[in-house]
Amino acid sequence: AALADFLERARPGSSSLSTMALAELDETFHQRLMALS
């Protein structure tokens, strides 16, 4: 649920973020998913 909540919080306005900010969100999602292992 915490991973899903992170995804929802990252969604609003994400298309207006810089390339670096979007890359950071993407990396963070995948690393949080990895941490669940």
PDB file of all heavy atoms in Angstrom:
ATOM      1  N   ALA A   1       0.836  -1.205   0.000  1.00  0.00           N
ATOM      2  CA  ALA A   1       0.000   0.000   0.000  1.00  0.00           C
ATOM      3  C   ALA A   1       0.872   1.258   0.000  1.00  0.00           C
ATOM      4  O   ALA A   1       0.532   2.260  -0.650  1.00  0.00           O
ATOM      5  CB  ALA A   1      -0.926  -0.003   1.210  1.00  0.00           C
ATOM      6  N   ALA A   2       1.998   1.226   0.707  1.00  0.00           N
ATOM      7  CA  ALA A   2       2.899   2.379   0.743  1.00  0.00           C
ATOM      8  C   ALA A   2       3.511   2.629  -0.633  1.00  0.00           C
ATOM      9  O   ALA A   2       3.679   3.784  -1.046  1.00  0.00           O
ATOM     10  CB  ALA A   2       3.998   2.154   1.777  1.00  0.00           C
ATOM     11  N   LEU A   3       3.832   1.557  -1.364  1.00  0.00           N
ATOM     12  CA  LEU A   3       4.353   1.716  -2.720  1.00  0.00           C
ATOM     13  C   LEU A   3       3.284   2.306  -3.637  1.00  0.00           C
ATOM     14  O   LEU A   3       3.567   3.196  -4.445  1.00  0.00           O
ATOM     15  CB  LEU A   3       4.830   0.365  -3.263  1.00  0.00           C
ATOM     16  CG  LEU A   3       5.428   0.388  -4.674  1.00  0.00           C
ATOM     17  CD1 LEU A   3       6.700   1.240  -4.718  1.00  0.00           C
ATOM     18  CD2 LEU A   3       5.723  -1.041  -5.153  1.00  0.00           C
ATOM     19  N   ALA A   4       2.051   1.831  -3.497  1.00  0.00           N
ATOM     20  CA  ALA A   4       0.944   2.370  -4.285  1.00  0.00           C
ATOM     21  C   ALA A   4       0.707   3.840  -3.957  1.00  0.00           C
ATOM     22  O   ALA A   4       0.434   4.655  -4.859  1.00  0.00           O
ATOM     23  CB  ALA A   4      -0.321   1.555  -4.031  1.00  0.00           C
ATOM     24  N   ASP A   5       0.844   4.184  -2.689  1.00  0.00           N
ATOM     25  CA  ASP A   5       0.654   5.579  -2.275  1.00  0.00           C
ATOM     26  C   ASP A   5       1.743   6.471  -2.868  1.00  0.00           C
ATOM     27  O   ASP A   5       1.462   7.596  -3.317  1.00  0.00           O
ATOM     28  CB  ASP A   5       0.677   5.665  -0.746  1.00  0.00           C
ATOM     29  CG  ASP A   5       0.476   7.098  -0.248  1.00  0.00           C
ATOM     30  OD1 ASP A   5      -0.587   7.663  -0.527  1.00  0.00           O
ATOM     31  OD2 ASP A   5       1.386   7.621   0.414  1.00  0.00           O
ATOM     32  N   PHE A   6       2.977   5.976  -2.892  1.00  0.00           N
ATOM     33  CA  PHE A   6       4.064   6.728  -3.525  1.00  0.00           C
ATOM     34  C   PHE A   6       3.744   6.979  -4.997  1.00  0.00           C
ATOM     35  O   PHE A   6       3.942   8.084  -5.513  1.00  0.00           O
ATOM     36  CB  PHE A   6       5.389   5.970  -3.406  1.00  0.00           C
ATOM     37  CG  PHE A   6       6.470   6.509  -4.307  1.00  0.00           C
ATOM     38  CD1 PHE A   6       7.185   7.641  -3.947  1.00  0.00           C
ATOM     39  CD2 PHE A   6       6.750   5.898  -5.519  1.00  0.00           C
ATOM     40  CE1 PHE A   6       8.163   8.162  -4.782  1.00  0.00           C
ATOM     41  CE2 PHE A   6       7.722   6.412  -6.360  1.00  0.00           C
ATOM     42  CZ  PHE A   6       8.432   7.541  -5.987  1.00  0.00           C
ATOM     43  N   LEU A   7       3.224   5.966  -5.670  1.00  0.00           N
ATOM     44  CA  LEU A   7       2.891   6.096  -7.087  1.00  0.00           C
ATOM     45  C   LEU A   7       1.810   7.143  -7.297  1.00  0.00           C
ATOM     46  O   LEU A   7       1.887   7.964  -8.215  1.00  0.00           O
ATOM     47  CB  LEU A   7       2.442   4.739  -7.626  1.00  0.00           C
ATOM     48  CG  LEU A   7       2.344   4.574  -9.138  1.00  0.00           C
ATOM     49  CD1 LEU A   7       3.671   4.889  -9.811  1.00  0.00           C
ATOM     50  CD2 LEU A   7       1.901   3.155  -9.481  1.00  0.00           C
ATOM     51  N   GLU A   8       0.813   7.153  -6.426  1.00  0.00           N
ATOM     52  CA  GLU A   8      -0.265   8.139  -6.549  1.00  0.00           C
ATOM     53  C   GLU A   8       0.229   9.554  -6.276  1.00  0.00           C
ATOM     54  O   GLU A   8      -0.183  10.508  -6.933  1.00  0.00           O
ATOM     55  CB  GLU A   8      -1.398   7.786  -5.580  1.00  0.00           C
ATOM     56  CG  GLU A   8      -2.230   6.592  -6.019  1.00  0.00           C
ATOM     57  CD  GLU A   8      -2.817   6.787  -7.409  1.00  0.00           C
ATOM     58  OE1 GLU A   8      -3.409   7.864  -7.662  1.00  0.00           O
ATOM     59  OE2 GLU A   8      -2.671   5.891  -8.254  1.00  0.00           O
ATOM     60  N   ARG A   9       1.131   9.685  -5.299  1.00  0.00           N
ATOM     61  CA  ARG A   9       1.660  11.012  -4.985  1.00  0.00           C
ATOM     62  C   ARG A   9       2.579  11.528  -6.088  1.00  0.00           C
ATOM     63  O   ARG A   9       2.699  12.733  -6.296  1.00  0.00           O
ATOM     64  CB  ARG A   9       2.416  10.975  -3.650  1.00  0.00           C
ATOM     65  CG  ARG A   9       1.479  10.882  -2.431  1.00  0.00           C
ATOM     66  CD  ARG A   9       2.236  10.984  -1.126  1.00  0.00           C
ATOM     67  NE  ARG A   9       2.942   9.758  -0.790  1.00  0.00           N
ATOM     68  CZ  ARG A   9       4.251   9.585  -0.837  1.00  0.00           C
ATOM     69  NH1 ARG A   9       5.038  10.591  -1.227  1.00  0.00           N
ATOM     70  NH2 ARG A   9       4.821   8.436  -0.503  1.00  0.00           N
ATOM     71  N   ALA A  10       3.214  10.601  -6.810  1.00  0.00           N
ATOM     72  CA  ALA A  10       4.129  10.989  -7.883  1.00  0.00           C
ATOM     73  C   ALA A  10       3.372  11.368  -9.154  1.00  0.00           C
ATOM     74  O   ALA A  10       3.900  12.085 -10.005  1.00  0.00           O
ATOM     75  CB  ALA A  10       5.080   9.834  -8.192  1.00  0.00           C
ATOM     76  N   ARG A  11       2.122  10.929  -9.267  1.00  0.00           N
ATOM     77  CA  ARG A  11       1.389  11.090 -10.516  1.00  0.00           C
ATOM     78  C   ARG A  11       0.976  12.532 -10.828  1.00  0.00           C
ATOM     79  O   ARG A  11       1.179  12.994 -11.945  1.00  0.00           O
ATOM     80  CB  ARG A  11       0.142  10.192 -10.499  1.00  0.00           C
ATOM     81  CG  ARG A  11      -0.487   9.991 -11.861  1.00  0.00           C
ATOM     82  CD  ARG A  11      -1.776   9.181 -11.746  1.00  0.00           C
ATOM     83  NE  ARG A  11      -1.616   8.005 -10.918  1.00  0.00           N
ATOM     84  CZ  ARG A  11      -1.055   6.870 -11.327  1.00  0.00           C
ATOM     85  NH1 ARG A  11      -0.584   6.780 -12.553  1.00  0.00           N
ATOM     86  NH2 ARG A  11      -0.956   5.837 -10.514  1.00  0.00           N
ATOM     87  N   PRO A  12       0.357  13.267  -9.889  1.00  0.00           N
ATOM     88  CA  PRO A  12      -0.156  14.603 -10.237  1.00  0.00           C
ATOM     89  C   PRO A  12       0.938  15.539 -10.737  1.00  0.00           C
ATOM     90  O   PRO A  12       1.945  15.754 -10.066  1.00  0.00           O
ATOM     91  CB  PRO A  12      -0.743  15.114  -8.915  1.00  0.00           C
ATOM     92  CG  PRO A  12      -1.048  13.880  -8.145  1.00  0.00           C
ATOM     93  CD  PRO A  12       0.037  12.914  -8.502  1.00  0.00           C
ATOM     94  N   GLY A  13       0.745  16.059 -11.943  1.00  0.00           N
ATOM     95  CA  GLY A  13       1.689  17.011 -12.501  1.00  0.00           C
ATOM     96  C   GLY A  13       3.003  16.415 -12.955  1.00  0.00           C
ATOM     97  O   GLY A  13       3.934  17.146 -13.289  1.00  0.00           O
ATOM     98  N   SER A  14       3.110  15.075 -12.982  1.00  0.00           N
ATOM     99  CA  SER A  14       4.395  14.468 -13.318  1.00  0.00           C
ATOM    100  C   SER A  14       4.827  14.796 -14.739  1.00  0.00           C
ATOM    101  O   SER A  14       6.018  14.909 -15.025  1.00  0.00           O
ATOM    102  CB  SER A  14       4.342  12.948 -13.124  1.00  0.00           C
ATOM    103  OG  SER A  14       3.377  12.360 -13.983  1.00  0.00           O
ATOM    104  N   SER A  15       3.867  14.977 -15.643  1.00  0.00           N
ATOM    105  CA  SER A  15       4.223  15.259 -17.033  1.00  0.00           C
ATOM    106  C   SER A  15       4.845  16.637 -17.204  1.00  0.00           C
ATOM    107  O   SER A  15       5.436  16.935 -18.241  1.00  0.00           O
ATOM    108  CB  SER A  15       2.990  15.123 -17.929  1.00  0.00           C
ATOM    109  OG  SER A  15       1.982  16.026 -17.518  1.00  0.00           O
ATOM    110  N   SER A  16       4.708  17.501 -16.192  1.00  0.00           N
ATOM    111  CA  SER A  16       5.299  18.844 -16.274  1.00  0.00           C
ATOM    112  C   SER A  16       6.658  18.921 -15.584  1.00  0.00           C
ATOM    113  O   SER A  16       7.299  19.968 -15.595  1.00  0.00           O
ATOM    114  CB  SER A  16       4.354  19.877 -15.647  1.00  0.00           C
ATOM    115  OG  SER A  16       4.220  19.649 -14.257  1.00  0.00           O
ATOM    116  N   LEU A  17       7.112  17.824 -14.993  1.00  0.00           N
ATOM    117  CA  LEU A  17       8.392  17.816 -14.294  1.00  0.00           C
ATOM    118  C   LEU A  17       9.546  17.762 -15.280  1.00  0.00           C
ATOM    119  O   LEU A  17       9.386  17.379 -16.438  1.00  0.00           O
ATOM    120  CB  LEU A  17       8.470  16.614 -13.351  1.00  0.00           C
ATOM    121  CG  LEU A  17       7.486  16.588 -12.178  1.00  0.00           C
ATOM    122  CD1 LEU A  17       7.629  15.281 -11.412  1.00  0.00           C
ATOM    123  CD2 LEU A  17       7.711  17.769 -11.247  1.00  0.00           C
ATOM    124  N   SER A  18      10.725  18.121 -14.798  1.00  0.00           N
ATOM    125  CA  SER A  18      11.920  18.040 -15.637  1.00  0.00           C
ATOM    126  C   SER A  18      12.277  16.579 -15.887  1.00  0.00           C
ATOM    127  O   SER A  18      11.833  15.671 -15.167  1.00  0.00           O
ATOM    128  CB  SER A  18      13.095  18.727 -14.938  1.00  0.00           C
ATOM    129  OG  SER A  18      13.503  17.987 -13.800  1.00  0.00           O
ATOM    130  N   THR A  19      13.107  16.382 -16.896  1.00  0.00           N
ATOM    131  CA  THR A  19      13.570  15.029 -17.213  1.00  0.00           C
ATOM    132  C   THR A  19      14.266  14.394 -16.014  1.00  0.00           C
ATOM    133  O   THR A  19      14.030  13.227 -15.689  1.00  0.00           O
ATOM    134  CB  THR A  19      14.541  15.076 -18.408  1.00  0.00           C
ATOM    135  OG1 THR A  19      13.835  15.550 -19.563  1.00  0.00           O
ATOM    136  CG2 THR A  19      15.120  13.700 -18.700  1.00  0.00           C
ATOM    137  N   MET A  20      15.119  15.164 -15.333  1.00  0.00           N
ATOM    138  CA  MET A  20      15.851  14.623 -14.184  1.00  0.00           C
ATOM    139  C   MET A  20      14.909  14.256 -13.050  1.00  0.00           C
ATOM    140  O   MET A  20      15.102  13.234 -12.374  1.00  0.00           O
ATOM    141  CB  MET A  20      16.911  15.612 -13.718  1.00  0.00           C
ATOM    142  CG  MET A  20      18.037  15.802 -14.701  1.00  0.00           C
ATOM    143  SD  MET A  20      19.292  16.950 -14.072  1.00  0.00           S
ATOM    144  CE  MET A  20      20.365  17.080 -15.509  1.00  0.00           C
ATOM    145  N   ALA A  21      13.872  15.081 -12.818  1.00  0.00           N
ATOM    146  CA  ALA A  21      12.911  14.791 -11.755  1.00  0.00           C
ATOM    147  C   ALA A  21      12.118  13.536 -12.074  1.00  0.00           C
ATOM    148  O   ALA A  21      11.857  12.700 -11.195  1.00  0.00           O
ATOM    149  CB  ALA A  21      11.973  15.980 -11.555  1.00  0.00           C
ATOM    150  N   LEU A  22      11.726  13.377 -13.342  1.00  0.00           N
ATOM    151  CA  LEU A  22      11.000  12.173 -13.737  1.00  0.00           C
ATOM    152  C   LEU A  22      11.882  10.930 -13.595  1.00  0.00           C
ATOM    153  O   LEU A  22      11.419   9.878 -13.156  1.00  0.00           O
ATOM    154  CB  LEU A  22      10.508  12.298 -15.176  1.00  0.00           C
ATOM    155  CG  LEU A  22       9.239  13.115 -15.393  1.00  0.00           C
ATOM    156  CD1 LEU A  22       9.008  13.342 -16.886  1.00  0.00           C
ATOM    157  CD2 LEU A  22       8.029  12.441 -14.766  1.00  0.00           C
ATOM    158  N   ALA A  23      13.156  11.072 -13.969  1.00  0.00           N
ATOM    159  CA  ALA A  23      14.083   9.946 -13.834  1.00  0.00           C
ATOM    160  C   ALA A  23      14.244   9.550 -12.371  1.00  0.00           C
ATOM    161  O   ALA A  23      14.306   8.360 -12.032  1.00  0.00           O
ATOM    162  CB  ALA A  23      15.435  10.303 -14.433  1.00  0.00           C
ATOM    163  N   GLU A  24      14.297  10.550 -11.492  1.00  0.00           N
ATOM    164  CA  GLU A  24      14.422  10.265 -10.059  1.00  0.00           C
ATOM    165  C   GLU A  24      13.193   9.531  -9.536  1.00  0.00           C
ATOM    166  O   GLU A  24      13.309   8.578  -8.749  1.00  0.00           O
ATOM    167  CB  GLU A  24      14.623  11.561  -9.285  1.00  0.00           C
ATOM    168  CG  GLU A  24      14.882  11.347  -7.795  1.00  0.00           C
ATOM    169  CD  GLU A  24      15.177  12.635  -7.057  1.00  0.00           C
ATOM    170  OE1 GLU A  24      15.345  13.685  -7.699  1.00  0.00           O
ATOM    171  OE2 GLU A  24      15.240  12.583  -5.812  1.00  0.00           O
ATOM    172  N   LEU A  25      11.989   9.951  -9.976  1.00  0.00           N
ATOM    173  CA  LEU A  25      10.766   9.254  -9.578  1.00  0.00           C
ATOM    174  C   LEU A  25      10.791   7.807 -10.064  1.00  0.00           C
ATOM    175  O   LEU A  25      10.402   6.886  -9.342  1.00  0.00           O
ATOM    176  CB  LEU A  25       9.537   9.963 -10.142  1.00  0.00           C
ATOM    177  CG  LEU A  25       9.119  11.272  -9.475  1.00  0.00           C
ATOM    178  CD1 LEU A  25       7.968  11.901 -10.246  1.00  0.00           C
ATOM    179  CD2 LEU A  25       8.716  11.037  -8.015  1.00  0.00           C
ATOM    180  N   ASP A  26      11.225   7.619 -11.309  1.00  0.00           N
ATOM    181  CA  ASP A  26      11.267   6.274 -11.883  1.00  0.00           C
ATOM    182  C   ASP A  26      12.239   5.388 -11.119  1.00  0.00           C
ATOM    183  O   ASP A  26      11.918   4.251 -10.748  1.00  0.00           O
ATOM    184  CB  ASP A  26      11.659   6.366 -13.354  1.00  0.00           C
ATOM    185  CG  ASP A  26      11.580   5.027 -14.064  1.00  0.00           C
ATOM    186  OD1 ASP A  26      10.535   4.366 -13.957  1.00  0.00           O
ATOM    187  OD2 ASP A  26      12.563   4.630 -14.720  1.00  0.00           O
ATOM    188  N   GLU A  27      13.445   5.910 -10.860  1.00  0.00           N
ATOM    189  CA  GLU A  27      14.424   5.147 -10.099  1.00  0.00           C
ATOM    190  C   GLU A  27      13.905   4.820  -8.703  1.00  0.00           C
ATOM    191  O   GLU A  27      14.080   3.697  -8.212  1.00  0.00           O
ATOM    192  CB  GLU A  27      15.740   5.929  -9.977  1.00  0.00           C
ATOM    193  CG  GLU A  27      16.577   5.933 -11.227  1.00  0.00           C
ATOM    194  CD  GLU A  27      17.939   6.566 -10.997  1.00  0.00           C
ATOM    195  OE1 GLU A  27      18.374   6.646  -9.831  1.00  0.00           O
ATOM    196  OE2 GLU A  27      18.562   6.984 -11.990  1.00  0.00           O
ATOM    197  N   THR A  28      13.288   5.799  -8.057  1.00  0.00           N
ATOM    198  CA  THR A  28      12.787   5.593  -6.701  1.00  0.00           C
ATOM    199  C   THR A  28      11.730   4.503  -6.666  1.00  0.00           C
ATOM    200  O   THR A  28      11.727   3.643  -5.768  1.00  0.00           O
ATOM    201  CB  THR A  28      12.211   6.900  -6.124  1.00  0.00           C
ATOM    202  OG1 THR A  28      13.237   7.893  -6.100  1.00  0.00           O
ATOM    203  CG2 THR A  28      11.688   6.697  -4.707  1.00  0.00           C
ATOM    204  N   PHE A  29      10.825   4.511  -7.642  1.00  0.00           N
ATOM    205  CA  PHE A  29       9.793   3.465  -7.682  1.00  0.00           C
ATOM    206  C   PHE A  29      10.444   2.091  -7.782  1.00  0.00           C
ATOM    207  O   PHE A  29      10.097   1.170  -7.017  1.00  0.00           O
ATOM    208  CB  PHE A  29       8.848   3.675  -8.867  1.00  0.00           C
ATOM    209  CG  PHE A  29       7.852   2.550  -9.026  1.00  0.00           C
ATOM    210  CD1 PHE A  29       6.688   2.518  -8.271  1.00  0.00           C
ATOM    211  CD2 PHE A  29       8.100   1.507  -9.909  1.00  0.00           C
ATOM    212  CE1 PHE A  29       5.788   1.464  -8.384  1.00  0.00           C
ATOM    213  CE2 PHE A  29       7.204   0.443 -10.038  1.00  0.00           C
ATOM    214  CZ  PHE A  29       6.040   0.425  -9.273  1.00  0.00           C
ATOM    215  N   HIS A  30      11.371   1.939  -8.703  1.00  0.00           N
ATOM    216  CA  HIS A  30      11.989   0.616  -8.908  1.00  0.00           C
ATOM    217  C   HIS A  30      12.821   0.200  -7.697  1.00  0.00           C
ATOM    218  O   HIS A  30      12.855  -0.991  -7.350  1.00  0.00           O
ATOM    219  CB  HIS A  30      12.826   0.626 -10.185  1.00  0.00           C
ATOM    220  CG  HIS A  30      12.014   0.583 -11.437  1.00  0.00           C
ATOM    221  ND1 HIS A  30      11.602  -0.596 -12.020  1.00  0.00           N
ATOM    222  CD2 HIS A  30      11.492   1.571 -12.201  1.00  0.00           C
ATOM    223  CE1 HIS A  30      10.885  -0.330 -13.102  1.00  0.00           C
ATOM    224  NE2 HIS A  30      10.801   0.977 -13.233  1.00  0.00           N
ATOM    225  N   GLN A  31      13.465   1.149  -7.039  1.00  0.00           N
ATOM    226  CA  GLN A  31      14.253   0.805  -5.859  1.00  0.00           C
ATOM    227  C   GLN A  31      13.362   0.484  -4.668  1.00  0.00           C
ATOM    228  O   GLN A  31      13.686  -0.410  -3.863  1.00  0.00           O
ATOM    229  CB  GLN A  31      15.230   1.933  -5.550  1.00  0.00           C
ATOM    230  CG  GLN A  31      16.369   1.989  -6.580  1.00  0.00           C
ATOM    231  CD  GLN A  31      17.291   3.181  -6.483  1.00  0.00           C
ATOM    232  OE1 GLN A  31      18.171   3.372  -7.325  1.00  0.00           O
ATOM    233  NE2 GLN A  31      17.111   4.002  -5.467  1.00  0.00           N
ATOM    234  N   ARG A  32      12.229   1.164  -4.548  1.00  0.00           N
ATOM    235  CA  ARG A  32      11.289   0.821  -3.478  1.00  0.00           C
ATOM    236  C   ARG A  32      10.683  -0.557  -3.712  1.00  0.00           C
ATOM    237  O   ARG A  32      10.468  -1.331  -2.764  1.00  0.00           O
ATOM    238  CB  ARG A  32      10.192   1.887  -3.379  1.00  0.00           C
ATOM    239  CG  ARG A  32      10.677   3.204  -2.800  1.00  0.00           C
ATOM    240  CD  ARG A  32       9.570   4.227  -2.670  1.00  0.00           C
ATOM    241  NE  ARG A  32       8.574   3.816  -1.690  1.00  0.00           N
ATOM    242  CZ  ARG A  32       7.984   4.625  -0.836  1.00  0.00           C
ATOM    243  NH1 ARG A  32       8.302   5.911  -0.811  1.00  0.00           N
ATOM    244  NH2 ARG A  32       7.086   4.180   0.011  1.00  0.00           N
ATOM    245  N   LEU A  33      10.411  -0.861  -4.970  1.00  0.00           N
ATOM    246  CA  LEU A  33       9.926  -2.203  -5.299  1.00  0.00           C
ATOM    247  C   LEU A  33      10.982  -3.245  -4.939  1.00  0.00           C
ATOM    248  O   LEU A  33      10.673  -4.284  -4.339  1.00  0.00           O
ATOM    249  CB  LEU A  33       9.590  -2.276  -6.789  1.00  0.00           C
ATOM    250  CG  LEU A  33       9.210  -3.661  -7.332  1.00  0.00           C
ATOM    251  CD1 LEU A  33       7.930  -4.171  -6.673  1.00  0.00           C
ATOM    252  CD2 LEU A  33       9.036  -3.603  -8.856  1.00  0.00           C
ATOM    253  N   MET A  34      12.234  -2.963  -5.287  1.00  0.00           N
ATOM    254  CA  MET A  34      13.315  -3.877  -4.955  1.00  0.00           C
ATOM    255  C   MET A  34      13.430  -4.054  -3.442  1.00  0.00           C
ATOM    256  O   MET A  34      13.667  -5.166  -2.950  1.00  0.00           O
ATOM    257  CB  MET A  34      14.632  -3.326  -5.515  1.00  0.00           C
ATOM    258  CG  MET A  34      15.876  -4.137  -5.167  1.00  0.00           C
ATOM    259  SD  MET A  34      15.928  -5.748  -5.982  1.00  0.00           S
ATOM    260  CE  MET A  34      16.302  -5.237  -7.662  1.00  0.00           C
ATOM    261  N   ALA A  35      13.257  -2.983  -2.681  1.00  0.00           N
ATOM    262  CA  ALA A  35      13.358  -3.065  -1.222  1.00  0.00           C
ATOM    263  C   ALA A  35      12.318  -4.011  -0.629  1.00  0.00           C
ATOM    264  O   ALA A  35      12.559  -4.622   0.418  1.00  0.00           O
ATOM    265  CB  ALA A  35      13.222  -1.677  -0.603  1.00  0.00           C
ATOM    266  N   LEU A  36      11.173  -4.152  -1.303  1.00  0.00           N
ATOM    267  CA  LEU A  36      10.129  -5.061  -0.810  1.00  0.00           C
ATOM    268  C   LEU A  36      10.564  -6.522  -0.865  1.00  0.00           C
ATOM    269  O   LEU A  36       9.964  -7.372  -0.213  1.00  0.00           O
ATOM    270  CB  LEU A  36       8.836  -4.887  -1.613  1.00  0.00           C
ATOM    271  CG  LEU A  36       8.130  -3.534  -1.514  1.00  0.00           C
ATOM    272  CD1 LEU A  36       6.807  -3.577  -2.264  1.00  0.00           C
ATOM    273  CD2 LEU A  36       7.900  -3.134  -0.065  1.00  0.00           C
ATOM    274  N   SER A  37      11.619  -6.804  -1.627  1.00  0.00           N
ATOM    275  CA  SER A  37      12.127  -8.184  -1.679  1.00  0.00           C
ATOM    276  C   SER A  37      12.813  -8.571  -0.379  1.00  0.00           C
ATOM    277  O   SER A  37      12.986  -9.767  -0.095  1.00  0.00           O
ATOM    278  CB  SER A  37      13.125  -8.335  -2.833  1.00  0.00           C
ATOM    279  OG  SER A  37      14.353  -7.666  -2.526  1.00  0.00           O
TER     280      SER A  37
END
